[in-house]
Amino acid sequence: MVPSSPARSLTPAELALVADGELFRAKERIILKVQELLTDLQSGLQEDLSRSALLLPSEFDSAKRQVVKGERLEQCPYQYLDYPKHFLGDDKFTFRSMCWWGHHLVFALIVEGGQVKQYKKNFFDRFHQLAGQGLELSLAPTFWEWKRGEGYTLPITHDRKAQLAAVLSGRAWFKIARFVPLDSPAMREGRLAEVGRETFRSLLPLLTQ
């Protein structure tokens, strides 16, 4: 008989969670509600997109989107919508709206490739339209880092233009994000779609001619 290992034994708190069937039913309800909120956001963004003349990659298709549900982003579930979305070769352009359980909501514009030079020019030409909108520039070495704070993001504020210029100068891509606490009034009131659309609109100075 193989002796039991204390490391493999469930604690009383863990056993209570496993035995609580409502926990798992609640999780499924939340997943469906977040999915519906992301669907509402996609519809709203599609409407906004149709009303805006944006600088978009060639072969951009406004019908393309991606909805993803996962379980293990740093051990936590996540759900996200990529819309608008364009991934073709070296060109990347997407607005990702993600609910990262245990962390935050994040709405992020990710761009790489042929449009980056013009977007950077717009960033500095229209800097004071973008600054002070609750947006943050990613400092991470990869698109796929979703934490915020010191070492991860730099707030886009009116007094940081020189710092932001130094970060962007050597990059062929960038990510600008807005983070919203999961316990915010927006989530309690079911306004994820509204906040996502507001964030996308705050980025229009970057994306328009």
N, C-alpha and C. Protein backbone atom coordinates (compact mmCIF):
# COMPACT_ATOMS: atom_id res chain seq x y z
N MET A 1 0.84 -1.19 0.00
CA MET A 1 0.00 0.00 0.00
C MET A 1 0.88 1.25 0.00
N VAL A 2 0.60 2.16 -0.93
CA VAL A 2 1.38 3.39 -1.03
C VAL A 2 0.95 4.35 0.07
N PRO A 3 1.89 4.82 0.88
CA PRO A 3 1.51 5.75 1.96
C PRO A 3 1.01 7.07 1.38
N SER A 4 0.07 7.66 2.09
CA SER A 4 -0.45 8.95 1.63
C SER A 4 0.58 10.04 1.87
N SER A 5 0.53 11.05 1.01
CA SER A 5 1.45 12.18 1.15
C SER A 5 0.67 13.39 1.64
N PRO A 6 1.17 14.07 2.67
CA PRO A 6 0.47 15.27 3.16
C PRO A 6 0.29 16.32 2.05
N ALA A 7 1.25 16.37 1.12
CA ALA A 7 1.16 17.36 0.05
C ALA A 7 -0.01 17.08 -0.88
N ARG A 8 -0.43 15.78 -0.93
CA ARG A 8 -1.53 15.42 -1.82
C ARG A 8 -2.88 15.45 -1.12
N SER A 9 -2.87 15.59 0.18
CA SER A 9 -4.12 15.60 0.94
C SER A 9 -4.81 16.94 0.79
N LEU A 10 -6.13 16.91 0.65
CA LEU A 10 -6.90 18.14 0.55
C LEU A 10 -7.10 18.73 1.94
N THR A 11 -6.95 20.03 2.03
CA THR A 11 -7.19 20.72 3.29
C THR A 11 -8.70 20.82 3.52
N PRO A 12 -9.12 21.09 4.75
CA PRO A 12 -10.56 21.27 4.98
C PRO A 12 -11.16 22.35 4.07
N ALA A 13 -10.44 23.44 3.87
CA ALA A 13 -10.96 24.51 3.01
C ALA A 13 -11.10 24.02 1.57
N GLU A 14 -10.13 23.24 1.09
CA GLU A 14 -10.18 22.71 -0.27
C GLU A 14 -11.32 21.70 -0.41
N LEU A 15 -11.50 20.86 0.59
CA LEU A 15 -12.59 19.88 0.56
C LEU A 15 -13.95 20.59 0.52
N ALA A 16 -14.08 21.67 1.29
CA ALA A 16 -15.34 22.42 1.29
C ALA A 16 -15.63 22.98 -0.10
N LEU A 17 -14.60 23.45 -0.79
CA LEU A 17 -14.80 23.99 -2.15
C LEU A 17 -15.21 22.89 -3.12
N VAL A 18 -14.53 21.76 -3.05
CA VAL A 18 -14.85 20.64 -3.94
C VAL A 18 -16.28 20.14 -3.70
N ALA A 19 -16.70 20.15 -2.44
CA ALA A 19 -18.03 19.64 -2.10
C ALA A 19 -19.15 20.64 -2.41
N ASP A 20 -18.78 21.87 -2.69
CA ASP A 20 -19.79 22.91 -2.92
C ASP A 20 -20.19 22.95 -4.40
N GLY A 21 -21.22 22.21 -4.75
CA GLY A 21 -21.67 22.16 -6.14
C GLY A 21 -22.10 23.51 -6.66
N GLU A 22 -22.59 24.38 -5.79
CA GLU A 22 -23.05 25.70 -6.23
C GLU A 22 -21.88 26.54 -6.76
N LEU A 23 -20.70 26.29 -6.25
CA LEU A 23 -19.52 27.01 -6.72
C LEU A 23 -19.35 26.81 -8.23
N PHE A 24 -19.49 25.57 -8.68
CA PHE A 24 -19.27 25.26 -10.09
C PHE A 24 -20.44 25.71 -10.96
N ARG A 25 -21.64 25.63 -10.40
CA ARG A 25 -22.79 26.14 -11.15
C ARG A 25 -22.70 27.67 -11.29
N ALA A 26 -22.24 28.33 -10.23
CA ALA A 26 -22.07 29.78 -10.28
C ALA A 26 -21.01 30.15 -11.31
N LYS A 27 -19.95 29.37 -11.38
CA LYS A 27 -18.90 29.64 -12.37
C LYS A 27 -19.47 29.59 -13.78
N GLU A 28 -20.28 28.58 -14.08
CA GLU A 28 -20.86 28.47 -15.42
C GLU A 28 -21.80 29.63 -15.71
N ARG A 29 -22.57 30.07 -14.71
CA ARG A 29 -23.45 31.22 -14.92
C ARG A 29 -22.63 32.48 -15.23
N ILE A 30 -21.54 32.67 -14.50
CA ILE A 30 -20.70 33.85 -14.71
C ILE A 30 -20.08 33.81 -16.11
N ILE A 31 -19.59 32.65 -16.52
CA ILE A 31 -19.00 32.50 -17.86
C ILE A 31 -20.00 32.92 -18.93
N LEU A 32 -21.24 32.47 -18.79
CA LEU A 32 -22.26 32.80 -19.79
C LEU A 32 -22.59 34.29 -19.78
N LYS A 33 -22.65 34.88 -18.59
CA LYS A 33 -22.95 36.31 -18.51
C LYS A 33 -21.82 37.14 -19.12
N VAL A 34 -20.58 36.79 -18.83
CA VAL A 34 -19.46 37.52 -19.41
C VAL A 34 -19.45 37.35 -20.93
N GLN A 35 -19.77 36.15 -21.38
CA GLN A 35 -19.84 35.90 -22.82
C GLN A 35 -20.88 36.80 -23.48
N GLU A 36 -22.02 36.95 -22.83
CA GLU A 36 -23.08 37.82 -23.36
C GLU A 36 -22.62 39.28 -23.38
N LEU A 37 -21.91 39.71 -22.33
CA LEU A 37 -21.40 41.08 -22.28
C LEU A 37 -20.39 41.33 -23.40
N LEU A 38 -19.54 40.34 -23.67
CA LEU A 38 -18.57 40.48 -24.75
C LEU A 38 -19.25 40.50 -26.11
N THR A 39 -20.33 39.73 -26.25
CA THR A 39 -21.10 39.75 -27.50
C THR A 39 -21.73 41.11 -27.72
N ASP A 40 -22.27 41.70 -26.65
CA ASP A 40 -22.83 43.05 -26.74
C ASP A 40 -21.75 44.06 -27.13
N LEU A 41 -20.56 43.89 -26.56
CA LEU A 41 -19.46 44.79 -26.88
C LEU A 41 -19.08 44.68 -28.35
N GLN A 42 -19.02 43.47 -28.85
CA GLN A 42 -18.66 43.28 -30.26
C GLN A 42 -19.66 43.97 -31.18
N SER A 43 -20.94 43.87 -30.85
CA SER A 43 -21.96 44.54 -31.66
C SER A 43 -21.77 46.06 -31.63
N GLY A 44 -21.48 46.60 -30.46
CA GLY A 44 -21.27 48.03 -30.33
C GLY A 44 -20.03 48.50 -31.06
N LEU A 45 -18.95 47.73 -30.95
CA LEU A 45 -17.71 48.09 -31.64
C LEU A 45 -17.88 48.03 -33.15
N GLN A 46 -18.67 47.06 -33.61
CA GLN A 46 -18.93 46.97 -35.05
C GLN A 46 -19.65 48.22 -35.55
N GLU A 47 -20.58 48.70 -34.74
CA GLU A 47 -21.29 49.94 -35.09
C GLU A 47 -20.32 51.12 -35.09
N ASP A 48 -19.46 51.21 -34.08
CA ASP A 48 -18.48 52.30 -34.01
C ASP A 48 -17.53 52.25 -35.20
N LEU A 49 -17.13 51.04 -35.57
CA LEU A 49 -16.19 50.86 -36.67
C LEU A 49 -16.79 51.35 -37.98
N SER A 50 -18.07 51.10 -38.17
CA SER A 50 -18.73 51.50 -39.42
C SER A 50 -18.85 53.01 -39.56
N ARG A 51 -18.73 53.71 -38.43
CA ARG A 51 -18.88 55.18 -38.44
C ARG A 51 -17.56 55.91 -38.48
N SER A 52 -16.45 55.18 -38.45
CA SER A 52 -15.13 55.80 -38.34
C SER A 52 -14.27 55.47 -39.55
N ALA A 53 -13.52 56.47 -40.02
CA ALA A 53 -12.55 56.26 -41.09
C ALA A 53 -11.20 56.02 -40.43
N LEU A 54 -10.84 54.76 -40.26
CA LEU A 54 -9.64 54.41 -39.52
C LEU A 54 -8.49 54.05 -40.44
N LEU A 55 -7.27 54.24 -39.94
CA LEU A 55 -6.07 53.77 -40.63
C LEU A 55 -5.90 52.30 -40.28
N LEU A 56 -6.29 51.42 -41.18
CA LEU A 56 -6.30 49.99 -40.92
C LEU A 56 -5.37 49.27 -41.89
N PRO A 57 -4.89 48.10 -41.52
CA PRO A 57 -4.02 47.34 -42.43
C PRO A 57 -4.77 46.98 -43.72
N SER A 58 -4.00 46.81 -44.78
CA SER A 58 -4.61 46.34 -46.03
C SER A 58 -5.18 44.94 -45.78
N GLU A 59 -6.22 44.60 -46.49
CA GLU A 59 -6.90 43.31 -46.36
C GLU A 59 -7.62 43.16 -45.02
N PHE A 60 -7.80 44.25 -44.31
CA PHE A 60 -8.57 44.19 -43.07
C PHE A 60 -10.00 43.77 -43.36
N ASP A 61 -10.53 42.87 -42.55
CA ASP A 61 -11.89 42.36 -42.71
C ASP A 61 -12.66 42.66 -41.42
N SER A 62 -13.63 43.55 -41.51
CA SER A 62 -14.37 43.98 -40.31
C SER A 62 -15.27 42.88 -39.75
N ALA A 63 -15.44 41.79 -40.48
CA ALA A 63 -16.28 40.70 -39.99
C ALA A 63 -15.52 39.74 -39.08
N LYS A 64 -14.19 39.81 -39.10
CA LYS A 64 -13.40 38.85 -38.33
C LYS A 64 -13.39 39.21 -36.85
N ARG A 65 -13.54 38.19 -36.03
CA ARG A 65 -13.47 38.35 -34.58
C ARG A 65 -13.04 37.02 -33.98
N GLN A 66 -12.68 37.04 -32.74
CA GLN A 66 -12.33 35.82 -32.03
C GLN A 66 -12.79 35.93 -30.59
N VAL A 67 -13.46 34.90 -30.10
CA VAL A 67 -13.89 34.84 -28.71
C VAL A 67 -13.24 33.61 -28.09
N VAL A 68 -12.56 33.80 -26.97
CA VAL A 68 -11.79 32.73 -26.36
C VAL A 68 -12.14 32.62 -24.88
N LYS A 69 -12.20 31.36 -24.40
CA LYS A 69 -12.37 31.08 -22.97
C LYS A 69 -11.27 30.12 -22.56
N GLY A 70 -10.54 30.48 -21.51
CA GLY A 70 -9.48 29.62 -21.02
C GLY A 70 -9.52 29.49 -19.51
N GLU A 71 -8.69 28.60 -19.00
CA GLU A 71 -8.73 28.29 -17.57
C GLU A 71 -7.46 28.66 -16.81
N ARG A 72 -6.34 28.82 -17.51
CA ARG A 72 -5.08 28.88 -16.77
C ARG A 72 -4.18 30.01 -17.24
N LEU A 73 -4.62 31.22 -17.09
CA LEU A 73 -3.73 32.36 -17.26
C LEU A 73 -3.22 32.71 -15.88
N GLU A 74 -2.02 32.24 -15.58
CA GLU A 74 -1.47 32.32 -14.22
C GLU A 74 -2.45 31.75 -13.22
N GLN A 75 -2.94 30.55 -13.53
CA GLN A 75 -3.82 29.74 -12.68
C GLN A 75 -5.24 30.31 -12.56
N CYS A 76 -5.60 31.29 -13.34
CA CYS A 76 -6.94 31.88 -13.24
C CYS A 76 -7.67 31.79 -14.58
N PRO A 77 -9.00 31.61 -14.55
CA PRO A 77 -9.78 31.61 -15.79
C PRO A 77 -9.75 32.98 -16.46
N TYR A 78 -10.03 32.98 -17.75
CA TYR A 78 -10.10 34.23 -18.51
C TYR A 78 -11.03 34.05 -19.71
N GLN A 79 -11.59 35.15 -20.15
CA GLN A 79 -12.42 35.20 -21.35
C GLN A 79 -12.07 36.48 -22.09
N TYR A 80 -11.97 36.38 -23.42
CA TYR A 80 -11.69 37.61 -24.15
C TYR A 80 -12.32 37.62 -25.53
N LEU A 81 -12.47 38.83 -26.02
CA LEU A 81 -12.94 39.11 -27.38
C LEU A 81 -11.84 39.87 -28.10
N ASP A 82 -11.46 39.42 -29.30
CA ASP A 82 -10.62 40.19 -30.18
C ASP A 82 -11.50 40.75 -31.29
N TYR A 83 -11.77 42.05 -31.21
CA TYR A 83 -12.54 42.73 -32.26
C TYR A 83 -12.35 44.23 -32.11
N PRO A 84 -12.02 44.93 -33.19
CA PRO A 84 -11.64 44.41 -34.50
C PRO A 84 -10.37 43.58 -34.42
N LYS A 85 -10.16 42.74 -35.43
CA LYS A 85 -9.06 41.77 -35.38
C LYS A 85 -8.46 41.60 -36.76
N HIS A 86 -7.12 41.70 -36.83
CA HIS A 86 -6.41 41.46 -38.07
C HIS A 86 -5.04 40.88 -37.74
N PHE A 87 -4.84 39.62 -38.04
CA PHE A 87 -3.54 38.97 -37.87
C PHE A 87 -3.19 38.36 -39.22
N LEU A 88 -2.23 38.95 -39.92
CA LEU A 88 -1.83 38.46 -41.23
C LEU A 88 -0.34 38.71 -41.41
N GLY A 89 0.44 37.63 -41.41
CA GLY A 89 1.88 37.78 -41.52
C GLY A 89 2.43 38.58 -40.37
N ASP A 90 3.19 39.62 -40.71
CA ASP A 90 3.79 40.46 -39.67
C ASP A 90 2.86 41.57 -39.19
N ASP A 91 1.71 41.70 -39.84
CA ASP A 91 0.75 42.75 -39.46
C ASP A 91 -0.20 42.24 -38.38
N LYS A 92 -0.25 42.97 -37.29
CA LYS A 92 -1.18 42.64 -36.21
C LYS A 92 -1.92 43.91 -35.81
N PHE A 93 -3.22 43.76 -35.68
CA PHE A 93 -4.05 44.88 -35.23
C PHE A 93 -5.26 44.27 -34.55
N THR A 94 -5.36 44.45 -33.26
CA THR A 94 -6.55 43.93 -32.57
C THR A 94 -6.87 44.79 -31.36
N PHE A 95 -8.14 44.82 -31.02
CA PHE A 95 -8.61 45.42 -29.78
C PHE A 95 -9.11 44.27 -28.93
N ARG A 96 -8.35 43.94 -27.90
CA ARG A 96 -8.70 42.79 -27.05
C ARG A 96 -9.40 43.28 -25.79
N SER A 97 -10.54 42.67 -25.51
CA SER A 97 -11.34 42.97 -24.31
C SER A 97 -11.35 41.70 -23.47
N MET A 98 -10.68 41.73 -22.33
CA MET A 98 -10.50 40.50 -21.56
C MET A 98 -10.96 40.65 -20.11
N CYS A 99 -11.67 39.64 -19.66
CA CYS A 99 -12.02 39.50 -18.25
C CYS A 99 -11.10 38.44 -17.67
N TRP A 100 -10.17 38.87 -16.84
CA TRP A 100 -9.20 37.96 -16.22
C TRP A 100 -9.61 37.77 -14.77
N TRP A 101 -10.20 36.62 -14.49
CA TRP A 101 -10.72 36.33 -13.16
C TRP A 101 -9.60 36.47 -12.13
N GLY A 102 -9.97 37.06 -11.00
CA GLY A 102 -9.00 37.25 -9.93
C GLY A 102 -8.07 38.43 -10.15
N HIS A 103 -8.23 39.15 -11.27
CA HIS A 103 -7.34 40.27 -11.58
C HIS A 103 -8.12 41.53 -11.98
N HIS A 104 -8.54 41.64 -13.23
CA HIS A 104 -9.18 42.85 -13.71
C HIS A 104 -9.76 42.63 -15.10
N LEU A 105 -10.54 43.61 -15.54
CA LEU A 105 -10.86 43.74 -16.95
C LEU A 105 -9.72 44.50 -17.61
N VAL A 106 -9.42 44.15 -18.85
CA VAL A 106 -8.43 44.93 -19.58
C VAL A 106 -8.89 45.06 -21.03
N PHE A 107 -8.82 46.29 -21.54
CA PHE A 107 -9.14 46.59 -22.93
C PHE A 107 -7.84 47.09 -23.56
N ALA A 108 -7.36 46.39 -24.59
CA ALA A 108 -6.03 46.70 -25.10
C ALA A 108 -5.98 46.73 -26.62
N LEU A 109 -5.36 47.77 -27.13
CA LEU A 109 -5.05 47.86 -28.55
C LEU A 109 -3.64 47.32 -28.77
N ILE A 110 -3.51 46.34 -29.67
CA ILE A 110 -2.23 45.73 -30.00
C ILE A 110 -1.96 45.96 -31.48
N VAL A 111 -0.81 46.55 -31.80
CA VAL A 111 -0.49 46.81 -33.21
C VAL A 111 0.97 46.46 -33.48
N GLU A 112 1.19 45.92 -34.68
CA GLU A 112 2.53 45.59 -35.14
C GLU A 112 2.51 45.60 -36.66
N GLY A 113 3.62 45.98 -37.26
CA GLY A 113 3.72 45.89 -38.71
C GLY A 113 3.62 47.23 -39.41
N GLY A 114 3.02 47.20 -40.61
CA GLY A 114 3.06 48.33 -41.52
C GLY A 114 2.45 49.61 -41.02
N GLN A 115 1.49 49.55 -40.11
CA GLN A 115 0.80 50.76 -39.66
C GLN A 115 1.48 51.43 -38.46
N VAL A 116 2.44 50.76 -37.87
CA VAL A 116 3.00 51.25 -36.61
C VAL A 116 3.63 52.64 -36.75
N LYS A 117 4.35 52.88 -37.84
CA LYS A 117 5.01 54.18 -38.02
C LYS A 117 4.00 55.32 -37.97
N GLN A 118 2.86 55.17 -38.67
CA GLN A 118 1.86 56.23 -38.67
C GLN A 118 1.18 56.35 -37.30
N TYR A 119 0.92 55.22 -36.65
CA TYR A 119 0.30 55.26 -35.33
C TYR A 119 1.22 55.98 -34.33
N LYS A 120 2.52 55.72 -34.42
CA LYS A 120 3.46 56.41 -33.52
C LYS A 120 3.43 57.92 -33.78
N LYS A 121 3.41 58.30 -35.05
CA LYS A 121 3.35 59.72 -35.38
C LYS A 121 2.10 60.35 -34.79
N ASN A 122 0.96 59.66 -34.94
CA ASN A 122 -0.29 60.16 -34.37
C ASN A 122 -0.21 60.24 -32.86
N PHE A 123 0.45 59.26 -32.26
CA PHE A 123 0.58 59.24 -30.80
C PHE A 123 1.19 60.54 -30.30
N PHE A 124 2.25 61.00 -30.94
CA PHE A 124 2.93 62.20 -30.47
C PHE A 124 2.29 63.48 -31.00
N ASP A 125 1.77 63.44 -32.22
CA ASP A 125 1.10 64.63 -32.75
C ASP A 125 -0.17 64.95 -31.97
N ARG A 126 -0.83 63.91 -31.46
CA ARG A 126 -2.11 64.09 -30.76
C ARG A 126 -2.02 63.63 -29.31
N PHE A 127 -0.82 63.74 -28.77
CA PHE A 127 -0.56 63.18 -27.45
C PHE A 127 -1.54 63.66 -26.40
N HIS A 128 -1.83 64.96 -26.39
CA HIS A 128 -2.67 65.50 -25.31
C HIS A 128 -4.15 65.15 -25.47
N GLN A 129 -4.53 64.56 -26.62
CA GLN A 129 -5.87 63.99 -26.76
C GLN A 129 -5.93 62.60 -26.14
N LEU A 130 -4.81 61.89 -26.15
CA LEU A 130 -4.74 60.53 -25.60
C LEU A 130 -4.43 60.53 -24.11
N ALA A 131 -3.62 61.50 -23.67
CA ALA A 131 -3.21 61.55 -22.26
C ALA A 131 -4.39 61.86 -21.36
N GLY A 132 -4.33 61.31 -20.14
CA GLY A 132 -5.36 61.59 -19.16
C GLY A 132 -6.67 60.85 -19.38
N GLN A 133 -6.64 59.80 -20.21
CA GLN A 133 -7.85 59.02 -20.50
C GLN A 133 -7.87 57.67 -19.77
N GLY A 134 -6.94 57.47 -18.83
CA GLY A 134 -6.87 56.19 -18.12
C GLY A 134 -6.18 55.10 -18.91
N LEU A 135 -5.42 55.50 -19.95
CA LEU A 135 -4.72 54.53 -20.79
C LEU A 135 -3.30 54.32 -20.27
N GLU A 136 -2.74 53.13 -20.55
CA GLU A 136 -1.39 52.81 -20.12
C GLU A 136 -0.65 52.11 -21.25
N LEU A 137 0.63 52.44 -21.41
CA LEU A 137 1.48 51.81 -22.41
C LEU A 137 2.17 50.60 -21.79
N SER A 138 2.11 49.47 -22.48
CA SER A 138 2.77 48.28 -21.98
C SER A 138 4.28 48.43 -22.07
N LEU A 139 4.98 48.03 -21.01
CA LEU A 139 6.44 48.01 -20.97
C LEU A 139 6.99 46.60 -21.16
N ALA A 140 6.11 45.63 -21.21
CA ALA A 140 6.52 44.22 -21.26
C ALA A 140 7.20 43.90 -22.59
N PRO A 141 8.03 42.86 -22.61
CA PRO A 141 8.71 42.48 -23.85
C PRO A 141 7.82 41.67 -24.81
N THR A 142 6.59 41.42 -24.42
CA THR A 142 5.67 40.64 -25.24
C THR A 142 4.27 41.23 -25.18
N PHE A 143 3.50 41.00 -26.25
CA PHE A 143 2.09 41.43 -26.26
C PHE A 143 1.30 40.79 -25.13
N TRP A 144 1.68 39.56 -24.77
CA TRP A 144 0.77 38.69 -24.02
C TRP A 144 0.94 38.76 -22.52
N GLU A 145 1.50 39.86 -22.04
CA GLU A 145 1.58 40.12 -20.60
C GLU A 145 0.39 41.01 -20.23
N TRP A 146 -0.37 40.59 -19.19
CA TRP A 146 -1.62 41.29 -18.87
C TRP A 146 -1.63 41.89 -17.47
N LYS A 147 -0.49 41.88 -16.80
CA LYS A 147 -0.42 42.54 -15.50
C LYS A 147 -0.17 44.03 -15.72
N ARG A 148 -0.43 44.79 -14.66
CA ARG A 148 -0.23 46.24 -14.74
C ARG A 148 0.61 46.69 -13.56
N GLY A 149 1.06 47.94 -13.63
CA GLY A 149 1.81 48.50 -12.52
C GLY A 149 3.29 48.66 -12.87
N GLU A 150 4.08 48.99 -11.88
CA GLU A 150 5.50 49.27 -12.07
C GLU A 150 6.21 48.11 -12.76
N GLY A 151 6.91 48.41 -13.81
CA GLY A 151 7.62 47.38 -14.57
C GLY A 151 6.79 46.73 -15.66
N TYR A 152 5.48 46.92 -15.59
CA TYR A 152 4.58 46.31 -16.58
C TYR A 152 3.92 47.35 -17.49
N THR A 153 3.51 48.48 -16.92
CA THR A 153 2.82 49.50 -17.71
C THR A 153 3.24 50.89 -17.24
N LEU A 154 3.06 51.86 -18.14
CA LEU A 154 3.34 53.25 -17.82
C LEU A 154 2.12 54.08 -18.18
N PRO A 155 1.48 54.73 -17.20
CA PRO A 155 0.29 55.53 -17.49
C PRO A 155 0.59 56.63 -18.51
N ILE A 156 -0.35 56.83 -19.43
CA ILE A 156 -0.20 57.87 -20.45
C ILE A 156 -0.80 59.15 -19.88
N THR A 157 0.05 59.93 -19.25
CA THR A 157 -0.37 61.19 -18.63
C THR A 157 0.38 62.34 -19.28
N HIS A 158 -0.14 63.53 -19.11
CA HIS A 158 0.39 64.71 -19.80
C HIS A 158 1.85 64.98 -19.48
N ASP A 159 2.33 64.54 -18.32
CA ASP A 159 3.71 64.84 -17.90
C ASP A 159 4.71 63.75 -18.27
N ARG A 160 4.28 62.72 -19.01
CA ARG A 160 5.17 61.59 -19.28
C ARG A 160 5.54 61.45 -20.77
N LYS A 161 5.36 62.47 -21.54
CA LYS A 161 5.59 62.35 -22.98
C LYS A 161 7.01 61.88 -23.29
N ALA A 162 8.00 62.43 -22.62
CA ALA A 162 9.40 62.05 -22.89
C ALA A 162 9.66 60.59 -22.53
N GLN A 163 9.12 60.15 -21.40
CA GLN A 163 9.30 58.75 -20.99
C GLN A 163 8.67 57.80 -22.00
N LEU A 164 7.46 58.14 -22.43
CA LEU A 164 6.74 57.29 -23.38
C LEU A 164 7.46 57.27 -24.73
N ALA A 165 8.01 58.41 -25.12
CA ALA A 165 8.77 58.46 -26.38
C ALA A 165 9.97 57.54 -26.32
N ALA A 166 10.63 57.48 -25.18
CA ALA A 166 11.80 56.62 -25.03
C ALA A 166 11.43 55.14 -25.14
N VAL A 167 10.27 54.78 -24.59
CA VAL A 167 9.81 53.39 -24.68
C VAL A 167 9.47 53.03 -26.12
N LEU A 168 8.76 53.91 -26.82
CA LEU A 168 8.27 53.61 -28.16
C LEU A 168 9.34 53.69 -29.23
N SER A 169 10.40 54.43 -28.98
CA SER A 169 11.36 54.74 -30.04
C SER A 169 11.95 53.50 -30.70
N GLY A 170 12.24 52.47 -29.91
CA GLY A 170 12.89 51.29 -30.47
C GLY A 170 11.97 50.12 -30.74
N ARG A 171 10.67 50.37 -30.73
CA ARG A 171 9.73 49.26 -30.85
C ARG A 171 9.06 49.20 -32.23
N ALA A 172 8.91 47.98 -32.72
CA ALA A 172 8.18 47.76 -33.98
C ALA A 172 6.73 47.39 -33.69
N TRP A 173 6.34 47.41 -32.43
CA TRP A 173 4.97 47.10 -32.02
C TRP A 173 4.69 47.87 -30.73
N PHE A 174 3.43 47.96 -30.38
CA PHE A 174 3.10 48.47 -29.06
C PHE A 174 1.71 48.03 -28.65
N LYS A 175 1.46 48.15 -27.35
CA LYS A 175 0.16 47.82 -26.77
C LYS A 175 -0.22 48.93 -25.81
N ILE A 176 -1.44 49.45 -25.99
CA ILE A 176 -1.99 50.45 -25.09
C ILE A 176 -3.24 49.87 -24.45
N ALA A 177 -3.33 49.95 -23.13
CA ALA A 177 -4.42 49.27 -22.41
C ALA A 177 -5.08 50.17 -21.39
N ARG A 178 -6.31 49.80 -21.08
CA ARG A 178 -7.03 50.40 -19.97
C ARG A 178 -7.46 49.27 -19.05
N PHE A 179 -7.22 49.42 -17.76
CA PHE A 179 -7.53 48.39 -16.77
C PHE A 179 -8.70 48.85 -15.90
N VAL A 180 -9.62 47.94 -15.63
CA VAL A 180 -10.81 48.25 -14.84
C VAL A 180 -10.95 47.18 -13.76
N PRO A 181 -11.07 47.55 -12.48
CA PRO A 181 -11.23 46.55 -11.42
C PRO A 181 -12.49 45.72 -11.61
N LEU A 182 -12.42 44.44 -11.25
CA LEU A 182 -13.59 43.57 -11.41
C LEU A 182 -14.72 43.94 -10.47
N ASP A 183 -14.41 44.64 -9.38
CA ASP A 183 -15.47 45.07 -8.46
C ASP A 183 -15.93 46.49 -8.74
N SER A 184 -15.62 47.00 -9.92
CA SER A 184 -16.01 48.37 -10.27
C SER A 184 -17.51 48.47 -10.49
N PRO A 185 -18.07 49.68 -10.37
CA PRO A 185 -19.49 49.87 -10.67
C PRO A 185 -19.86 49.40 -12.08
N ALA A 186 -18.93 49.55 -13.03
CA ALA A 186 -19.20 49.13 -14.40
C ALA A 186 -19.55 47.65 -14.47
N MET A 187 -18.83 46.82 -13.71
CA MET A 187 -19.13 45.39 -13.73
C MET A 187 -20.39 45.08 -12.93
N ARG A 188 -20.55 45.75 -11.78
CA ARG A 188 -21.74 45.50 -10.97
C ARG A 188 -23.01 45.86 -11.73
N GLU A 189 -22.91 46.87 -12.59
CA GLU A 189 -24.08 47.35 -13.33
C GLU A 189 -24.17 46.78 -14.74
N GLY A 190 -23.29 45.84 -15.08
CA GLY A 190 -23.36 45.20 -16.39
C GLY A 190 -22.97 46.11 -17.54
N ARG A 191 -22.02 47.05 -17.31
CA ARG A 191 -21.67 48.03 -18.32
C ARG A 191 -20.31 47.74 -18.97
N LEU A 192 -19.94 46.48 -19.03
CA LEU A 192 -18.68 46.13 -19.68
C LEU A 192 -18.63 46.65 -21.11
N ALA A 193 -19.71 46.46 -21.86
CA ALA A 193 -19.73 46.90 -23.26
C ALA A 193 -19.55 48.42 -23.37
N GLU A 194 -20.19 49.15 -22.49
CA GLU A 194 -20.09 50.61 -22.50
C GLU A 194 -18.65 51.06 -22.26
N VAL A 195 -18.00 50.46 -21.28
CA VAL A 195 -16.62 50.84 -20.95
C VAL A 195 -15.68 50.45 -22.08
N GLY A 196 -15.92 49.28 -22.68
CA GLY A 196 -15.09 48.86 -23.80
C GLY A 196 -15.19 49.82 -24.98
N ARG A 197 -16.41 50.24 -25.28
CA ARG A 197 -16.60 51.19 -26.39
C ARG A 197 -15.97 52.55 -26.06
N GLU A 198 -16.11 53.00 -24.82
CA GLU A 198 -15.48 54.26 -24.42
C GLU A 198 -13.96 54.18 -24.59
N THR A 199 -13.39 53.03 -24.24
CA THR A 199 -11.94 52.86 -24.36
C THR A 199 -11.53 52.91 -25.82
N PHE A 200 -12.27 52.20 -26.68
CA PHE A 200 -11.93 52.19 -28.10
C PHE A 200 -12.02 53.62 -28.68
N ARG A 201 -13.05 54.34 -28.30
CA ARG A 201 -13.20 55.72 -28.79
C ARG A 201 -12.07 56.62 -28.30
N SER A 202 -11.57 56.36 -27.10
CA SER A 202 -10.47 57.18 -26.59
C SER A 202 -9.19 56.97 -27.38
N LEU A 203 -9.13 55.87 -28.15
CA LEU A 203 -7.96 55.57 -28.97
C LEU A 203 -8.07 56.09 -30.39
N LEU A 204 -9.22 56.66 -30.74
CA LEU A 204 -9.43 57.11 -32.12
C LEU A 204 -8.41 58.16 -32.59
N PRO A 205 -7.92 59.07 -31.73
CA PRO A 205 -6.88 59.99 -32.22
C PRO A 205 -5.65 59.27 -32.76
N LEU A 206 -5.40 58.09 -32.24
CA LEU A 206 -4.26 57.28 -32.69
C LEU A 206 -4.55 56.63 -34.04
N LEU A 207 -5.82 56.32 -34.29
CA LEU A 207 -6.19 55.44 -35.41
C LEU A 207 -6.78 56.15 -36.61
N THR A 208 -7.01 57.44 -36.50
CA THR A 208 -7.63 58.16 -37.62
C THR A 208 -6.60 59.02 -38.33
N GLN A 209 -6.90 59.37 -39.57
CA GLN A 209 -5.97 60.16 -40.38
C GLN A 209 -5.91 61.62 -39.89
